[in-house]
Amino acid sequence: MDAFKDRLSQRARDTSRPALAHQSLGRALNGAETALAEAMMEIMGTGQHDFGKVAEGLAQRGLAAPVSGRMDWDADLLARELAAINAELDSAYAEHGYGA
C-alpha cells in the first residue's frame, strides 16, 4: 500500500478542488523542456532537492535552459526558467484546454 499514491488518487476524485483542473497540459513539452525535466528527475532521483544543487547538476550536464538558452545554471535561473515554462503551459491550457 502506497499512502502517497492513495492520497493523490483520492484528490483526483475530489471534484470540489477546482485547482486540480489545471493539472493537464494544453500543449506538449518541447525538446528542451523534456530534456530539463529528465535531467531534473535524474538529479532529484539521487535525493538532491536543493535548487542550488540541482542547478549545479544541470550546469555539469551542459544543459541549455529552455527559455533563455543559458547554460550558467544557478538557483535563480532555475526558478525563473521553471516559472516561465509554467506560465507558457498555463497560457496554452487557457487557450486550448486539456490535451490540445
PDB file of N, CA and C in Angstrom:
ATOM      1  N   MET A   1       0.848  -1.182   0.000  1.00  0.00           N
ATOM      2  CA  MET A   1       0.000   0.000   0.000  1.00  0.00           C
ATOM      3  C   MET A   1       0.887   1.235   0.000  1.00  0.00           C
ATOM      4  N   ASP A   2       0.629   2.157  -0.904  1.00  0.00           N
ATOM      5  CA  ASP A   2       1.396   3.391  -1.016  1.00  0.00           C
ATOM      6  C   ASP A   2       0.496   4.551  -0.602  1.00  0.00           C
ATOM      7  N   ALA A   3       0.700   5.074   0.592  1.00  0.00           N
ATOM      8  CA  ALA A   3      -0.162   6.128   1.129  1.00  0.00           C
ATOM      9  C   ALA A   3      -0.133   7.384   0.269  1.00  0.00           C
ATOM     10  N   PHE A   4       1.038   7.710  -0.295  1.00  0.00           N
ATOM     11  CA  PHE A   4       1.144   8.898  -1.133  1.00  0.00           C
ATOM     12  C   PHE A   4       0.284   8.756  -2.391  1.00  0.00           C
ATOM     13  N   LYS A   5       0.404   7.622  -3.083  1.00  0.00           N
ATOM     14  CA  LYS A   5      -0.391   7.398  -4.292  1.00  0.00           C
ATOM     15  C   LYS A   5      -1.874   7.326  -3.967  1.00  0.00           C
ATOM     16  N   ASP A   6      -2.197   6.717  -2.840  1.00  0.00           N
ATOM     17  CA  ASP A   6      -3.593   6.656  -2.427  1.00  0.00           C
ATOM     18  C   ASP A   6      -4.155   8.054  -2.200  1.00  0.00           C
ATOM     19  N   ARG A   7      -3.353   8.915  -1.585  1.00  0.00           N
ATOM     20  CA  ARG A   7      -3.788  10.298  -1.329  1.00  0.00           C
ATOM     21  C   ARG A   7      -3.985  11.053  -2.641  1.00  0.00           C
ATOM     22  N   LEU A   8      -3.059  10.887  -3.579  1.00  0.00           N
ATOM     23  CA  LEU A   8      -3.200  11.541  -4.884  1.00  0.00           C
ATOM     24  C   LEU A   8      -4.449  11.048  -5.605  1.00  0.00           C
ATOM     25  N   SER A   9      -4.681   9.762  -5.543  1.00  0.00           N
ATOM     26  CA  SER A   9      -5.851   9.185  -6.184  1.00  0.00           C
ATOM     27  C   SER A   9      -7.131   9.757  -5.586  1.00  0.00           C
ATOM     28  N   GLN A  10      -7.159   9.889  -4.273  1.00  0.00           N
ATOM     29  CA  GLN A  10      -8.334  10.456  -3.617  1.00  0.00           C
ATOM     30  C   GLN A  10      -8.537  11.907  -4.039  1.00  0.00           C
ATOM     31  N   ARG A  11      -7.452  12.673  -4.108  1.00  0.00           N
ATOM     32  CA  ARG A  11      -7.556  14.079  -4.527  1.00  0.00           C
ATOM     33  C   ARG A  11      -8.075  14.185  -5.956  1.00  0.00           C
ATOM     34  N   ALA A  12      -7.670  13.283  -6.804  1.00  0.00           N
ATOM     35  CA  ALA A  12      -8.106  13.320  -8.197  1.00  0.00           C
ATOM     36  C   ALA A  12      -9.611  13.080  -8.305  1.00  0.00           C
ATOM     37  N   ARG A  13     -10.159  12.290  -7.393  1.00  0.00           N
ATOM     38  CA  ARG A  13     -11.601  12.017  -7.402  1.00  0.00           C
ATOM     39  C   ARG A  13     -12.406  13.149  -6.773  1.00  0.00           C
ATOM     40  N   ASP A  14     -11.771  14.015  -6.048  1.00  0.00           N
ATOM     41  CA  ASP A  14     -12.450  15.086  -5.325  1.00  0.00           C
ATOM     42  C   ASP A  14     -12.738  16.241  -6.288  1.00  0.00           C
ATOM     43  N   THR A  15     -13.929  16.289  -6.825  1.00  0.00           N
ATOM     44  CA  THR A  15     -14.273  17.304  -7.819  1.00  0.00           C
ATOM     45  C   THR A  15     -14.515  18.679  -7.208  1.00  0.00           C
ATOM     46  N   SER A  16     -14.462  18.793  -5.905  1.00  0.00           N
ATOM     47  CA  SER A  16     -14.648  20.098  -5.275  1.00  0.00           C
ATOM     48  C   SER A  16     -13.341  20.894  -5.230  1.00  0.00           C
ATOM     49  N   ARG A  17     -12.274  20.401  -5.876  1.00  0.00           N
ATOM     50  CA  ARG A  17     -10.978  21.072  -5.872  1.00  0.00           C
ATOM     51  C   ARG A  17     -10.703  21.639  -7.264  1.00  0.00           C
ATOM     52  N   PRO A  18     -11.200  22.853  -7.569  1.00  0.00           N
ATOM     53  CA  PRO A  18     -11.039  23.408  -8.906  1.00  0.00           C
ATOM     54  C   PRO A  18      -9.587  23.612  -9.339  1.00  0.00           C
ATOM     55  N   ALA A  19      -8.656  23.768  -8.400  1.00  0.00           N
ATOM     56  CA  ALA A  19      -7.253  23.956  -8.774  1.00  0.00           C
ATOM     57  C   ALA A  19      -6.709  22.741  -9.516  1.00  0.00           C
ATOM     58  N   LEU A  20      -7.291  21.564  -9.277  1.00  0.00           N
ATOM     59  CA  LEU A  20      -6.825  20.359  -9.954  1.00  0.00           C
ATOM     60  C   LEU A  20      -7.204  20.336 -11.429  1.00  0.00           C
ATOM     61  N   ALA A  21      -8.057  21.226 -11.853  1.00  0.00           N
ATOM     62  CA  ALA A  21      -8.447  21.276 -13.259  1.00  0.00           C
ATOM     63  C   ALA A  21      -7.280  21.636 -14.158  1.00  0.00           C
ATOM     64  N   HIS A  22      -6.261  22.250 -13.613  1.00  0.00           N
ATOM     65  CA  HIS A  22      -5.117  22.691 -14.414  1.00  0.00           C
ATOM     66  C   HIS A  22      -3.926  21.759 -14.296  1.00  0.00           C
ATOM     67  N   GLN A  23      -4.175  20.515 -14.000  1.00  0.00           N
ATOM     68  CA  GLN A  23      -3.086  19.557 -13.861  1.00  0.00           C
ATOM     69  C   GLN A  23      -2.734  18.887 -15.182  1.00  0.00           C
ATOM     70  N   SER A  24      -3.362  19.284 -16.264  1.00  0.00           N
ATOM     71  CA  SER A  24      -3.104  18.704 -17.577  1.00  0.00           C
ATOM     72  C   SER A  24      -2.450  19.733 -18.476  1.00  0.00           C
ATOM     73  N   LEU A  25      -1.770  19.260 -19.481  1.00  0.00           N
ATOM     74  CA  LEU A  25      -1.067  20.151 -20.396  1.00  0.00           C
ATOM     75  C   LEU A  25      -1.973  20.607 -21.525  1.00  0.00           C
ATOM     76  N   GLY A  26      -1.832  21.862 -21.908  1.00  0.00           N
ATOM     77  CA  GLY A  26      -2.534  22.404 -23.061  1.00  0.00           C
ATOM     78  C   GLY A  26      -1.687  22.306 -24.319  1.00  0.00           C
ATOM     79  N   ARG A  27      -0.449  21.859 -24.175  1.00  0.00           N
ATOM     80  CA  ARG A  27       0.450  21.610 -25.303  1.00  0.00           C
ATOM     81  C   ARG A  27       1.517  20.634 -24.836  1.00  0.00           C
ATOM     82  N   ALA A  28       2.109  19.977 -25.771  1.00  0.00           N
ATOM     83  CA  ALA A  28       3.184  19.044 -25.438  1.00  0.00           C
ATOM     84  C   ALA A  28       4.437  19.825 -25.055  1.00  0.00           C
ATOM     85  N   LEU A  29       5.273  19.228 -24.204  1.00  0.00           N
ATOM     86  CA  LEU A  29       6.560  19.841 -23.889  1.00  0.00           C
ATOM     87  C   LEU A  29       7.443  19.788 -25.132  1.00  0.00           C
ATOM     88  N   ASN A  30       8.254  20.829 -25.319  1.00  0.00           N
ATOM     89  CA  ASN A  30       9.191  20.790 -26.431  1.00  0.00           C
ATOM     90  C   ASN A  30      10.442  20.011 -26.006  1.00  0.00           C
ATOM     91  N   GLY A  31      11.349  19.810 -26.928  1.00  0.00           N
ATOM     92  CA  GLY A  31      12.529  19.001 -26.651  1.00  0.00           C
ATOM     93  C   GLY A  31      13.377  19.528 -25.515  1.00  0.00           C
ATOM     94  N   ALA A  32      13.566  20.848 -25.466  1.00  0.00           N
ATOM     95  CA  ALA A  32      14.381  21.448 -24.406  1.00  0.00           C
ATOM     96  C   ALA A  32      13.703  21.307 -23.043  1.00  0.00           C
ATOM     97  N   GLU A  33      12.376  21.450 -23.011  1.00  0.00           N
ATOM     98  CA  GLU A  33      11.639  21.288 -21.757  1.00  0.00           C
ATOM     99  C   GLU A  33      11.690  19.833 -21.287  1.00  0.00           C
ATOM    100  N   THR A  34      11.574  18.918 -22.224  1.00  0.00           N
ATOM    101  CA  THR A  34      11.660  17.500 -21.881  1.00  0.00           C
ATOM    102  C   THR A  34      13.047  17.160 -21.353  1.00  0.00           C
ATOM    103  N   ALA A  35      14.091  17.696 -21.993  1.00  0.00           N
ATOM    104  CA  ALA A  35      15.462  17.447 -21.534  1.00  0.00           C
ATOM    105  C   ALA A  35      15.663  17.979 -20.119  1.00  0.00           C
ATOM    106  N   LEU A  36      15.115  19.164 -19.837  1.00  0.00           N
ATOM    107  CA  LEU A  36      15.218  19.730 -18.493  1.00  0.00           C
ATOM    108  C   LEU A  36      14.490  18.843 -17.488  1.00  0.00           C
ATOM    109  N   ALA A  37      13.280  18.434 -17.824  1.00  0.00           N
ATOM    110  CA  ALA A  37      12.508  17.581 -16.910  1.00  0.00           C
ATOM    111  C   ALA A  37      13.244  16.274 -16.633  1.00  0.00           C
ATOM    112  N   GLU A  38      13.792  15.664 -17.673  1.00  0.00           N
ATOM    113  CA  GLU A  38      14.505  14.402 -17.487  1.00  0.00           C
ATOM    114  C   GLU A  38      15.763  14.583 -16.640  1.00  0.00           C
ATOM    115  N   ALA A  39      16.501  15.661 -16.903  1.00  0.00           N
ATOM    116  CA  ALA A  39      17.711  15.923 -16.115  1.00  0.00           C
ATOM    117  C   ALA A  39      17.364  16.190 -14.659  1.00  0.00           C
ATOM    118  N   MET A  40      16.308  16.958 -14.421  1.00  0.00           N
ATOM    119  CA  MET A  40      15.901  17.234 -13.046  1.00  0.00           C
ATOM    120  C   MET A  40      15.463  15.963 -12.342  1.00  0.00           C
ATOM    121  N   MET A  41      14.768  15.068 -13.042  1.00  0.00           N
ATOM    122  CA  MET A  41      14.347  13.806 -12.444  1.00  0.00           C
ATOM    123  C   MET A  41      15.567  12.961 -12.078  1.00  0.00           C
ATOM    124  N   GLU A  42      16.577  12.943 -12.946  1.00  0.00           N
ATOM    125  CA  GLU A  42      17.801  12.197 -12.643  1.00  0.00           C
ATOM    126  C   GLU A  42      18.494  12.763 -11.407  1.00  0.00           C
ATOM    127  N   ILE A  43      18.631  14.081 -11.372  1.00  0.00           N
ATOM    128  CA  ILE A  43      19.315  14.724 -10.245  1.00  0.00           C
ATOM    129  C   ILE A  43      18.532  14.523  -8.960  1.00  0.00           C
ATOM    130  N   MET A  44      17.239  14.785  -9.011  1.00  0.00           N
ATOM    131  CA  MET A  44      16.414  14.644  -7.813  1.00  0.00           C
ATOM    132  C   MET A  44      16.283  13.184  -7.402  1.00  0.00           C
ATOM    133  N   GLY A  45      16.418  12.279  -8.356  1.00  0.00           N
ATOM    134  CA  GLY A  45      16.371  10.859  -8.061  1.00  0.00           C
ATOM    135  C   GLY A  45      17.522  10.392  -7.182  1.00  0.00           C
ATOM    136  N   THR A  46      18.581  11.189  -7.122  1.00  0.00           N
ATOM    137  CA  THR A  46      19.711  10.865  -6.249  1.00  0.00           C
ATOM    138  C   THR A  46      19.464  11.340  -4.822  1.00  0.00           C
ATOM    139  N   GLY A  47      18.311  12.001  -4.610  1.00  0.00           N
ATOM    140  CA  GLY A  47      17.987  12.509  -3.285  1.00  0.00           C
ATOM    141  C   GLY A  47      18.286  13.987  -3.123  1.00  0.00           C
ATOM    142  N   GLN A  48      18.778  14.614  -4.172  1.00  0.00           N
ATOM    143  CA  GLN A  48      19.125  16.037  -4.111  1.00  0.00           C
ATOM    144  C   GLN A  48      17.910  16.876  -4.500  1.00  0.00           C
ATOM    145  N   HIS A  49      17.447  17.738  -3.593  1.00  0.00           N
ATOM    146  CA  HIS A  49      16.277  18.562  -3.864  1.00  0.00           C
ATOM    147  C   HIS A  49      16.545  20.052  -3.685  1.00  0.00           C
ATOM    148  N   ASP A  50      17.707  20.413  -3.209  1.00  0.00           N
ATOM    149  CA  ASP A  50      18.077  21.812  -3.059  1.00  0.00           C
ATOM    150  C   ASP A  50      18.244  22.428  -4.451  1.00  0.00           C
ATOM    151  N   PHE A  51      17.548  23.549  -4.713  1.00  0.00           N
ATOM    152  CA  PHE A  51      17.598  24.164  -6.047  1.00  0.00           C
ATOM    153  C   PHE A  51      19.023  24.511  -6.470  1.00  0.00           C
ATOM    154  N   GLY A  52      19.832  24.973  -5.548  1.00  0.00           N
ATOM    155  CA  GLY A  52      21.214  25.308  -5.877  1.00  0.00           C
ATOM    156  C   GLY A  52      21.986  24.086  -6.354  1.00  0.00           C
ATOM    157  N   LYS A  53      21.799  22.967  -5.675  1.00  0.00           N
ATOM    158  CA  LYS A  53      22.481  21.723  -6.049  1.00  0.00           C
ATOM    159  C   LYS A  53      21.909  21.154  -7.352  1.00  0.00           C
ATOM    160  N   VAL A  54      20.605  21.273  -7.536  1.00  0.00           N
ATOM    161  CA  VAL A  54      20.002  20.822  -8.790  1.00  0.00           C
ATOM    162  C   VAL A  54      20.565  21.661  -9.943  1.00  0.00           C
ATOM    163  N   ALA A  55      20.670  22.967  -9.732  1.00  0.00           N
ATOM    164  CA  ALA A  55      21.233  23.849 -10.755  1.00  0.00           C
ATOM    165  C   ALA A  55      22.678  23.470 -11.068  1.00  0.00           C
ATOM    166  N   GLU A  56      23.454  23.137 -10.049  1.00  0.00           N
ATOM    167  CA  GLU A  56      24.834  22.684 -10.274  1.00  0.00           C
ATOM    168  C   GLU A  56      24.852  21.443 -11.152  1.00  0.00           C
ATOM    169  N   GLY A  57      23.942  20.532 -10.895  1.00  0.00           N
ATOM    170  CA  GLY A  57      23.853  19.317 -11.696  1.00  0.00           C
ATOM    171  C   GLY A  57      23.499  19.609 -13.140  1.00  0.00           C
ATOM    172  N   LEU A  58      22.628  20.579 -13.353  1.00  0.00           N
ATOM    173  CA  LEU A  58      22.260  20.964 -14.719  1.00  0.00           C
ATOM    174  C   LEU A  58      23.445  21.601 -15.438  1.00  0.00           C
ATOM    175  N   ALA A  59      24.190  22.437 -14.715  1.00  0.00           N
ATOM    176  CA  ALA A  59      25.377  23.070 -15.292  1.00  0.00           C
ATOM    177  C   ALA A  59      26.424  22.025 -15.645  1.00  0.00           C
ATOM    178  N   GLN A  60      26.604  21.047 -14.772  1.00  0.00           N
ATOM    179  CA  GLN A  60      27.579  19.982 -15.032  1.00  0.00           C
ATOM    180  C   GLN A  60      27.209  19.176 -16.264  1.00  0.00           C
ATOM    181  N   ARG A  61      25.926  19.052 -16.530  1.00  0.00           N
ATOM    182  CA  ARG A  61      25.468  18.310 -17.702  1.00  0.00           C
ATOM    183  C   ARG A  61      25.568  19.151 -18.982  1.00  0.00           C
ATOM    184  N   GLY A  62      25.821  20.441 -18.840  1.00  0.00           N
ATOM    185  CA  GLY A  62      25.897  21.322 -20.008  1.00  0.00           C
ATOM    186  C   GLY A  62      24.552  21.527 -20.682  1.00  0.00           C
ATOM    187  N   LEU A  63      23.493  21.454 -19.901  1.00  0.00           N
ATOM    188  CA  LEU A  63      22.140  21.584 -20.429  1.00  0.00           C
ATOM    189  C   LEU A  63      21.798  23.045 -20.673  1.00  0.00           C
ATOM    190  N   ALA A  64      21.264  23.336 -21.828  1.00  0.00           N
ATOM    191  CA  ALA A  64      20.815  24.693 -22.142  1.00  0.00           C
ATOM    192  C   ALA A  64      19.434  24.923 -21.544  1.00  0.00           C
ATOM    193  N   ALA A  65      19.240  26.085 -20.953  1.00  0.00           N
ATOM    194  CA  ALA A  65      17.942  26.437 -20.381  1.00  0.00           C
ATOM    195  C   ALA A  65      16.926  26.590 -21.515  1.00  0.00           C
ATOM    196  N   PRO A  66      15.735  26.011 -21.374  1.00  0.00           N
ATOM    197  CA  PRO A  66      14.751  26.021 -22.454  1.00  0.00           C
ATOM    198  C   PRO A  66      14.283  27.409 -22.887  1.00  0.00           C
ATOM    199  N   VAL A  67      14.185  28.343 -21.979  1.00  0.00           N
ATOM    200  CA  VAL A  67      13.654  29.669 -22.317  1.00  0.00           C
ATOM    201  C   VAL A  67      14.770  30.630 -22.705  1.00  0.00           C
ATOM    202  N   SER A  68      15.788  30.740 -21.865  1.00  0.00           N
ATOM    203  CA  SER A  68      16.846  31.731 -22.101  1.00  0.00           C
ATOM    204  C   SER A  68      17.996  31.185 -22.939  1.00  0.00           C
ATOM    205  N   GLY A  69      18.148  29.872 -22.978  1.00  0.00           N
ATOM    206  CA  GLY A  69      19.264  29.268 -23.684  1.00  0.00           C
ATOM    207  C   GLY A  69      20.570  29.302 -22.904  1.00  0.00           C
ATOM    208  N   ARG A  70      20.528  29.871 -21.711  1.00  0.00           N
ATOM    209  CA  ARG A  70      21.745  29.971 -20.891  1.00  0.00           C
ATOM    210  C   ARG A  70      22.161  28.600 -20.374  1.00  0.00           C
ATOM    211  N   MET A  71      23.438  28.488 -20.064  1.00  0.00           N
ATOM    212  CA  MET A  71      23.969  27.246 -19.532  1.00  0.00           C
ATOM    213  C   MET A  71      24.646  27.454 -18.183  1.00  0.00           C
ATOM    214  N   ASP A  72      24.624  28.688 -17.686  1.00  0.00           N
ATOM    215  CA  ASP A  72      25.249  29.016 -16.397  1.00  0.00           C
ATOM    216  C   ASP A  72      24.208  28.918 -15.275  1.00  0.00           C
ATOM    217  N   TRP A  73      23.743  27.707 -15.054  1.00  0.00           N
ATOM    218  CA  TRP A  73      22.668  27.452 -14.102  1.00  0.00           C
ATOM    219  C   TRP A  73      23.041  27.861 -12.678  1.00  0.00           C
ATOM    220  N   ASP A  74      22.089  28.503 -12.008  1.00  0.00           N
ATOM    221  CA  ASP A  74      22.126  28.725 -10.567  1.00  0.00           C
ATOM    222  C   ASP A  74      20.679  28.646 -10.092  1.00  0.00           C
ATOM    223  N   ALA A  75      20.463  28.739  -8.805  1.00  0.00           N
ATOM    224  CA  ALA A  75      19.114  28.575  -8.258  1.00  0.00           C
ATOM    225  C   ALA A  75      18.145  29.604  -8.825  1.00  0.00           C
ATOM    226  N   ASP A  76      18.599  30.840  -9.009  1.00  0.00           N
ATOM    227  CA  ASP A  76      17.714  31.880  -9.541  1.00  0.00           C
ATOM    228  C   ASP A  76      17.312  31.591 -10.985  1.00  0.00           C
ATOM    229  N   LEU A  77      18.276  31.171 -11.809  1.00  0.00           N
ATOM    230  CA  LEU A  77      17.956  30.845 -13.202  1.00  0.00           C
ATOM    231  C   LEU A  77      16.986  29.670 -13.250  1.00  0.00           C
ATOM    232  N   LEU A  78      17.207  28.664 -12.438  1.00  0.00           N
ATOM    233  CA  LEU A  78      16.307  27.516 -12.407  1.00  0.00           C
ATOM    234  C   LEU A  78      14.893  27.958 -12.048  1.00  0.00           C
ATOM    235  N   ALA A  79      14.761  28.785 -11.037  1.00  0.00           N
ATOM    236  CA  ALA A  79      13.434  29.270 -10.629  1.00  0.00           C
ATOM    237  C   ALA A  79      12.785  30.080 -11.742  1.00  0.00           C
ATOM    238  N   ARG A  80      13.545  30.951 -12.405  1.00  0.00           N
ATOM    239  CA  ARG A  80      12.996  31.774 -13.499  1.00  0.00           C
ATOM    240  C   ARG A  80      12.578  30.908 -14.685  1.00  0.00           C
ATOM    241  N   GLU A  81      13.400  29.933 -15.039  1.00  0.00           N
ATOM    242  CA  GLU A  81      13.073  29.049 -16.160  1.00  0.00           C
ATOM    243  C   GLU A  81      11.798  28.255 -15.864  1.00  0.00           C
ATOM    244  N   LEU A  82      11.711  27.686 -14.671  1.00  0.00           N
ATOM    245  CA  LEU A  82      10.524  26.911 -14.319  1.00  0.00           C
ATOM    246  C   LEU A  82       9.275  27.788 -14.294  1.00  0.00           C
ATOM    247  N   ALA A  83       9.399  29.012 -13.786  1.00  0.00           N
ATOM    248  CA  ALA A  83       8.254  29.932 -13.758  1.00  0.00           C
ATOM    249  C   ALA A  83       7.819  30.295 -15.171  1.00  0.00           C
ATOM    250  N   ALA A  84       8.779  30.548 -16.056  1.00  0.00           N
ATOM    251  CA  ALA A  84       8.449  30.906 -17.435  1.00  0.00           C
ATOM    252  C   ALA A  84       7.786  29.740 -18.173  1.00  0.00           C
ATOM    253  N   ILE A  85       8.322  28.551 -17.984  1.00  0.00           N
ATOM    254  CA  ILE A  85       7.731  27.369 -18.621  1.00  0.00           C
ATOM    255  C   ILE A  85       6.321  27.148 -18.088  1.00  0.00           C
ATOM    256  N   ASN A  86       6.157  27.262 -16.788  1.00  0.00           N
ATOM    257  CA  ASN A  86       4.838  27.077 -16.184  1.00  0.00           C
ATOM    258  C   ASN A  86       3.843  28.107 -16.716  1.00  0.00           C
ATOM    259  N   ALA A  87       4.274  29.355 -16.850  1.00  0.00           N
ATOM    260  CA  ALA A  87       3.395  30.398 -17.379  1.00  0.00           C
ATOM    261  C   ALA A  87       2.990  30.085 -18.818  1.00  0.00           C
ATOM    262  N   GLU A  88       3.931  29.608 -19.618  1.00  0.00           N
ATOM    263  CA  GLU A  88       3.612  29.244 -21.003  1.00  0.00           C
ATOM    264  C   GLU A  88       2.630  28.076 -21.053  1.00  0.00           C
ATOM    265  N   LEU A  89       2.833  27.092 -20.190  1.00  0.00           N
ATOM    266  CA  LEU A  89       1.918  25.951 -20.147  1.00  0.00           C
ATOM    267  C   LEU A  89       0.530  26.376 -19.670  1.00  0.00           C
ATOM    268  N   ASP A  90       0.474  27.273 -18.680  1.00  0.00           N
ATOM    269  CA  ASP A  90      -0.817  27.785 -18.215  1.00  0.00           C
ATOM    270  C   ASP A  90      -1.535  28.528 -19.332  1.00  0.00           C
ATOM    271  N   SER A  91      -0.789  29.330 -20.092  1.00  0.00           N
ATOM    272  CA  SER A  91      -1.355  30.077 -21.202  1.00  0.00           C
ATOM    273  C   SER A  91      -1.905  29.126 -22.276  1.00  0.00           C
ATOM    274  N   ALA A  92      -1.142  28.087 -22.586  1.00  0.00           N
ATOM    275  CA  ALA A  92      -1.585  27.114 -23.575  1.00  0.00           C
ATOM    276  C   ALA A  92      -2.843  26.401 -23.104  1.00  0.00           C
ATOM    277  N   TYR A  93      -2.880  26.091 -21.810  1.00  0.00           N
ATOM    278  CA  TYR A  93      -4.063  25.426 -21.266  1.00  0.00           C
ATOM    279  C   TYR A  93      -5.280  26.355 -21.363  1.00  0.00           C
ATOM    280  N   ALA A  94      -5.079  27.633 -21.024  1.00  0.00           N
ATOM    281  CA  ALA A  94      -6.178  28.596 -21.070  1.00  0.00           C
ATOM    282  C   ALA A  94      -6.694  28.767 -22.510  1.00  0.00           C
ATOM    283  N   GLU A  95      -5.769  28.722 -23.460  1.00  0.00           N
ATOM    284  CA  GLU A  95      -6.144  28.921 -24.861  1.00  0.00           C
ATOM    285  C   GLU A  95      -6.729  27.661 -25.491  1.00  0.00           C
ATOM    286  N   HIS A  96      -6.149  26.508 -25.205  1.00  0.00           N
ATOM    287  CA  HIS A  96      -6.510  25.286 -25.917  1.00  0.00           C
ATOM    288  C   HIS A  96      -7.232  24.246 -25.073  1.00  0.00           C
ATOM    289  N   GLY A  97      -7.151  24.384 -23.767  1.00  0.00           N
ATOM    290  CA  GLY A  97      -7.745  23.378 -22.899  1.00  0.00           C
ATOM    291  C   GLY A  97      -6.906  22.136 -22.808  1.00  0.00           C
ATOM    292  N   TYR A  98      -7.448  21.124 -22.195  1.00  0.00           N
ATOM    293  CA  TYR A  98      -6.744  19.858 -21.939  1.00  0.00           C
ATOM    294  C   TYR A  98      -6.424  19.133 -23.233  1.00  0.00           C
ATOM    295  N   GLY A  99      -5.195  18.650 -23.303  1.00  0.00           N
ATOM    296  CA  GLY A  99      -4.799  17.741 -24.365  1.00  0.00           C
ATOM    297  C   GLY A  99      -4.730  18.345 -25.753  1.00  0.00           C
ATOM    298  N   ALA A 100      -4.614  19.654 -25.835  1.00  0.00           N
ATOM    299  CA  ALA A 100      -4.563  20.308 -27.147  1.00  0.00           C
ATOM    300  C   ALA A 100      -3.298  19.942 -27.889  1.00  0.00           C
TER     301      ALA A 100
END
